Protein backbone atom coordinates (compact mmCIF):
# COMPACT_ATOMS: atom_id res chain seq x y z
CA LEU A 1 -12.96 8.13 -6.15
CA SER A 2 -16.77 7.88 -3.84
CA SER A 3 -17.83 11.10 -2.14
CA SER A 4 -20.88 11.31 -0.65
CA SER A 5 -21.99 14.45 2.07
CA GLY A 6 -24.08 14.41 4.64
CA LEU A 7 -25.84 17.52 5.23
CA THR A 8 -28.48 15.69 2.53
CA HIS A 9 -29.38 13.88 5.40
CA GLU A 10 -29.68 16.55 7.87
CA SER A 11 -33.52 15.83 8.74
CA HIS A 12 -31.32 11.92 8.98
CA ARG A 13 -29.39 11.79 11.12
CA LYS A 14 -29.64 7.53 11.83
CA ASP A 15 -30.14 7.15 7.75
CA VAL A 16 -27.78 4.42 6.42
CA GLU A 17 -26.73 4.55 2.94
CA GLN A 18 -25.40 1.78 0.93
CA VAL A 19 -22.34 2.44 -1.51
CA TYR A 20 -21.10 0.42 -4.07
CA LEU A 21 -17.61 0.17 -5.45
CA ARG A 22 -16.29 -2.02 -8.54
CA CYS A 23 -13.07 -0.59 -8.73
CA SER A 24 -9.58 -2.66 -6.68
CA GLU A 25 -8.64 0.43 -5.59
CA GLY A 26 -9.79 4.08 -5.15
CA SER A 27 -10.60 6.62 -2.07
CA ILE A 28 -13.75 7.12 -0.47
CA GLU A 29 -14.96 11.10 0.69
CA TRP A 30 -17.70 11.26 3.22
CA MET A 31 -18.29 15.41 3.49
CA TYR A 32 -20.52 16.35 6.26
CA PRO A 33 -21.04 13.01 8.11
CA THR A 34 -24.67 12.14 9.56
CA GLY A 35 -25.75 8.70 10.24
CA ALA A 36 -24.05 6.04 8.36
CA LEU A 37 -22.41 4.28 5.46
CA ILE A 38 -22.21 0.70 4.72
CA VAL A 39 -19.04 0.30 1.97
CA ASN A 40 -19.94 -2.45 -0.12
CA LEU A 41 -16.23 -3.59 -1.96
CA ARG A 42 -17.59 -5.57 -5.40
CA PRO A 43 -14.52 -5.56 -7.80
CA ASN A 44 -15.19 -7.29 -11.13
CA ILE A 45 -14.02 -10.84 -10.53
CA SER A 46 -15.73 -13.91 -9.77
CA PRO A 47 -17.02 -14.40 -6.24
CA ALA A 48 -15.21 -17.44 -5.98
CA SER A 49 -12.46 -15.04 -5.78
CA TYR A 50 -13.62 -13.56 -2.62
CA LYS A 51 -11.61 -15.13 -0.23
CA HIS A 52 -8.23 -14.32 -1.56
CA LEU A 53 -8.48 -11.18 -1.44
CA THR A 54 -7.29 -8.45 1.61
CA VAL A 55 -8.44 -5.62 2.15
CA CYS A 56 -6.53 -2.47 3.21
CA ILE A 57 -7.78 1.55 3.96
CA LYS A 58 -5.51 4.26 4.92
CA PRO A 59 -6.95 7.06 6.49
CA PHE A 60 -7.00 10.56 5.14
CA LYS A 61 -3.74 12.60 7.30
CA ASP A 62 -7.43 15.32 8.33
CA SER A 63 -10.40 12.55 8.36
CA ALA A 64 -12.78 13.28 11.26
CA GLY A 65 -16.30 13.02 11.95
CA ALA A 66 -16.47 9.19 12.07
CA ASN A 67 -15.74 5.62 13.73
CA ILE A 68 -14.65 3.55 11.09
CA TYR A 69 -15.58 -0.53 11.96
CA LEU A 70 -15.53 -3.80 10.32
CA GLU A 71 -19.33 -5.48 10.13
CA LYS A 72 -19.89 -8.94 9.42
CA THR A 73 -23.78 -10.45 9.95
CA GLY A 74 -24.42 -7.26 12.01
CA GLU A 75 -21.80 -7.76 14.65
CA LEU A 76 -19.23 -4.54 14.76
CA LYS A 77 -15.30 -4.44 15.05
CA LEU A 78 -14.03 -0.93 15.73
CA LEU A 79 -11.45 -0.16 12.95
CA VAL A 80 -10.65 3.66 12.73
CA ARG A 81 -11.59 5.38 16.09
CA ASP A 82 -12.65 8.75 15.32
CA GLY A 83 -9.55 11.86 15.32
CA GLU A 84 -6.96 9.09 15.80
CA ARG A 85 -3.77 10.57 14.40
CA SER A 86 -1.24 7.72 13.30
CA PRO A 87 -0.02 9.52 9.85
CA SER A 88 0.67 6.24 7.12
CA ARG A 89 -1.26 3.87 9.53
CA VAL A 90 -2.69 1.08 7.47
CA TYR A 91 -5.95 -0.89 8.22
CA CYS A 92 -5.74 -4.89 6.31
CA PHE A 93 -8.21 -7.68 7.26
CA GLY A 94 -9.76 -10.29 4.59
CA TYR A 95 -12.01 -10.19 2.57
CA ASP A 96 -14.30 -12.45 4.09
CA GLN A 97 -14.03 -11.10 7.39
CA GLY A 98 -16.83 -8.89 7.24
CA GLY A 99 -17.69 -5.19 4.92
CA LEU A 100 -16.90 -1.24 6.02
CA PHE A 101 -19.39 0.23 8.85
CA VAL A 102 -18.71 4.05 8.72
CA GLU A 103 -20.79 5.61 11.35
CA ALA A 104 -20.77 9.38 12.10
CA THR A 105 -20.46 10.67 15.51
CA PRO A 106 -22.10 13.48 17.19
CA GLN A 107 -21.05 16.38 16.02
CA GLN A 108 -21.80 20.26 16.96
CA ASP A 109 -20.92 21.59 13.11
CA ILE A 110 -21.11 18.81 11.29
CA SER A 111 -19.81 21.06 8.03
CA ARG A 112 -16.30 21.32 9.21
CA LYS A 113 -15.89 17.20 9.48
CA ILE A 114 -14.63 15.19 6.71
CA THR A 115 -14.03 11.53 7.03
CA GLY A 116 -12.23 9.49 4.23
CA PHE A 117 -9.55 6.76 3.18
CA GLN A 118 -8.42 5.12 0.48
CA TYR A 119 -8.64 1.69 0.32
CA GLU A 120 -6.71 -1.30 -1.82
CA LEU A 121 -7.90 -4.74 -3.02
CA MET A 122 -5.15 -7.42 -3.56
CA SER A 123 -4.68 -10.94 -3.10
CA LYS A 124 -3.89 -12.34 0.05
CA GLY A 125 0.29 -13.80 -1.20
CA ILE A 126 1.14 -9.84 -1.44
CA ALA A 127 -0.55 -8.49 1.13
CA ALA A 128 1.96 -11.08 2.96
CA ASP A 129 5.07 -9.60 1.20
CA LEU A 130 3.71 -5.99 2.60
CA HIS A 131 3.34 -6.53 5.86
CA THR A 132 5.57 -9.41 7.20
CA ALA A 133 5.60 -8.91 11.07
CA SER A 134 7.60 -11.48 11.68
CA ALA A 135 10.41 -10.42 9.88
CA PRO A 136 10.09 -7.39 7.83
CA CYS A 137 13.66 -6.44 7.73
CA ARG A 138 14.12 -9.70 6.77
CA PRO A 139 17.13 -10.29 4.09
CA CYS A 140 15.63 -12.87 0.90
CA SER A 141 16.25 -16.24 0.16
CA ASP A 142 17.89 -16.52 -3.50
CA THR A 143 14.80 -18.06 -4.39
CA GLU A 144 12.41 -14.96 -2.97
CA VAL A 145 15.02 -12.76 -5.05
CA LEU A 146 14.40 -14.48 -8.67
CA LEU A 147 10.82 -14.58 -7.99
CA ALA A 148 10.66 -11.22 -6.39
CA VAL A 149 12.26 -10.05 -10.41
CA CYS A 150 9.51 -11.65 -11.50
CA THR A 151 6.08 -10.24 -10.04
CA SER A 152 7.16 -7.13 -8.41
CA ASP A 153 5.38 -3.66 -9.63
CA PHE A 154 9.20 -2.13 -9.96
CA VAL A 155 12.84 -3.91 -10.60
CA ILE A 156 15.66 -1.45 -10.82
CA ARG A 157 19.39 -0.99 -10.36
CA GLY A 158 20.41 1.08 -8.62
CA SER A 159 22.50 3.26 -5.76
CA ILE A 160 21.70 4.80 -1.98
CA GLN A 161 22.36 8.18 -3.21
CA ASN A 162 20.85 9.40 0.66
CA VAL A 163 18.64 8.00 3.19
CA THR A 164 16.06 10.23 5.43
CA ASN A 165 13.69 9.11 8.59
CA GLU A 166 10.55 9.77 8.96
CA ALA A 167 10.24 9.18 13.07
CA GLU A 168 6.75 10.09 13.15
CA GLU A 169 5.39 7.23 10.65
CA GLN A 170 7.85 4.76 11.65
CA GLU A 171 9.82 5.49 7.96
CA SER A 172 12.39 5.81 6.31
CA VAL A 173 12.72 6.99 2.39
CA ILE A 174 15.77 5.14 0.32
CA HIS A 175 16.37 8.00 -2.16
CA VAL A 176 18.04 6.06 -5.58
CA GLY A 177 19.69 7.07 -8.09
CA VAL A 178 18.86 4.17 -11.11
CA SER A 179 21.06 3.07 -13.68
CA LYS A 180 18.85 0.50 -15.22
CA LEU A 181 15.26 0.62 -14.92
CA TYR A 182 13.92 -3.08 -15.58
CA ARG A 183 10.08 -2.04 -15.13
CA GLN A 184 7.68 0.05 -13.15
CA LYS A 185 4.16 0.16 -12.57
CA SER A 186 4.02 3.78 -12.00
CA LYS A 187 6.23 6.45 -13.13
CA VAL A 188 7.70 6.41 -9.49
CA PHE A 189 11.45 6.38 -11.18
CA GLN A 190 11.25 9.55 -13.73
CA LEU A 191 14.39 11.84 -15.43
CA THR A 192 15.75 14.63 -13.19
CA GLY A 193 17.37 17.91 -13.94
CA GLU A 194 19.78 18.25 -17.54
CA SER A 195 21.85 15.36 -16.44
CA GLY A 196 19.39 12.92 -17.62
CA ASN A 197 19.63 10.84 -14.34
CA TRP A 198 16.55 8.60 -13.12
CA ARG A 199 16.26 8.59 -9.75
CA GLY A 200 12.95 7.76 -7.44
CA GLN A 201 12.42 7.36 -3.50
CA ILE A 202 11.13 3.84 -1.88
CA LYS A 203 9.67 3.78 1.98
CA THR A 204 10.66 0.82 3.71
CA LEU A 205 10.45 0.34 7.80
CA LEU A 206 12.49 2.41 10.00
CA GLU A 207 13.22 0.01 11.97
CA CYS A 208 15.49 -2.01 9.29
CA GLY A 209 17.92 0.86 9.58
CA VAL A 210 18.63 1.73 5.66
CA ARG A 211 21.73 3.53 5.52
CA PRO A 212 23.21 5.09 2.34
CA GLY A 213 26.41 3.06 1.30
CA ASP A 214 28.61 2.70 -1.92
CA GLY A 215 27.36 -0.24 -4.21
CA ASP A 216 24.85 -0.78 -6.97
CA PHE A 217 21.44 -3.10 -5.43
CA LEU A 218 18.83 -4.27 -7.30
CA PHE A 219 15.73 -3.22 -5.46
CA THR A 220 12.17 -4.66 -6.23
CA GLY A 221 8.61 -4.01 -4.64
CA ARG A 222 5.38 -3.63 -4.84
CA MET A 223 2.94 0.29 -5.03
CA HIS A 224 0.70 0.57 -2.00
CA PHE A 225 -1.12 3.86 -2.00
CA GLY A 226 0.83 5.44 -4.63
CA GLU A 227 4.37 4.92 -3.49
CA ALA A 228 6.80 2.32 -3.49
CA ARG A 229 7.44 -0.35 -0.83
CA LEU A 230 10.74 -1.73 -0.60
CA GLY A 231 10.52 -5.87 -1.07
CA CYS A 232 13.95 -7.92 -1.91
CA ALA A 233 16.67 -5.49 -2.34
CA PRO A 234 20.36 -7.53 -2.48
CA ARG A 235 23.58 -6.23 -3.52
CA PHE A 236 23.73 -6.17 -7.38
CA LYS A 237 26.95 -8.58 -7.36
CA ASP A 238 24.85 -11.02 -5.33
CA PHE A 239 21.35 -10.67 -7.83
CA GLN A 240 23.95 -11.87 -11.19
CA ARG A 241 25.24 -15.19 -9.15
CA MET A 242 22.27 -15.95 -8.51
CA TYR A 243 20.67 -15.31 -11.86
CA LYS A 244 23.93 -16.89 -13.32
CA GLU A 245 23.51 -19.85 -11.15
CA ALA A 246 19.94 -20.65 -11.62
CA LYS A 247 19.76 -20.05 -15.74
CA ASP A 248 22.73 -22.61 -16.03
CA LYS A 249 20.72 -24.90 -13.99
CA GLY A 250 17.16 -24.00 -15.79
CA LEU A 251 15.59 -22.81 -12.61
CA ASN A 252 15.37 -18.91 -13.44
CA PRO A 253 11.17 -18.10 -13.22
CA CYS A 254 11.63 -15.48 -16.02
CA GLU A 255 14.04 -13.99 -17.91
CA ILE A 256 15.36 -10.69 -17.37
CA GLY A 257 19.15 -9.42 -18.79
CA PRO A 258 20.78 -9.01 -15.26
CA ASP A 259 23.59 -6.64 -16.80
């Protein structure tokens, strides 16, 4: 978390402050914004790898007081307009497309404003998985499923207990009952209640039309801004079939007990 306050620059409304961030994910909070911030993302990896990175930002729900631009060699491209209200909207761009320039907008009372956003740096391949514009609801092929099992942030066997739709955010929340936990990067799926059942929530696009149904699925996906996002999710019996076929041919990319 990087935090800054514009009140210390009250007499210098044109000041531009540089911020350097080394973490691959975090958040920026700018209280009482005046002047501008240049946000320099400098992850602890080889600069030669920068061109393979995607940057995503997610403004805080109540963020206000500044415009957020993408800046490269002095040219500004508006990314998020001050006061724009798009719940859960995520803005992504290639690391080599420029840096972030956050400019305060004129305010009568700056003490009431806080500009803030979360950010994530990820490989372009992972970003493409999360933001597949061409066919976000397309079923995965056998090869994609087997690869997802090896590379996803979470892999579970479970059933759909319920689905709640969030029309404003254009998302569906899948409430999952877990029968087997293979892997999870964050503690999204946890033991609940006296029965000792594992449960958790996975988000996906509303347009994919997920509905509650019988039977078990293999759920895979990525963590994105602290939320589990759905990747490949075949019926579990289909996963068992494709896993066995690949294993018999020596083509499965990693070992996981399919039972």
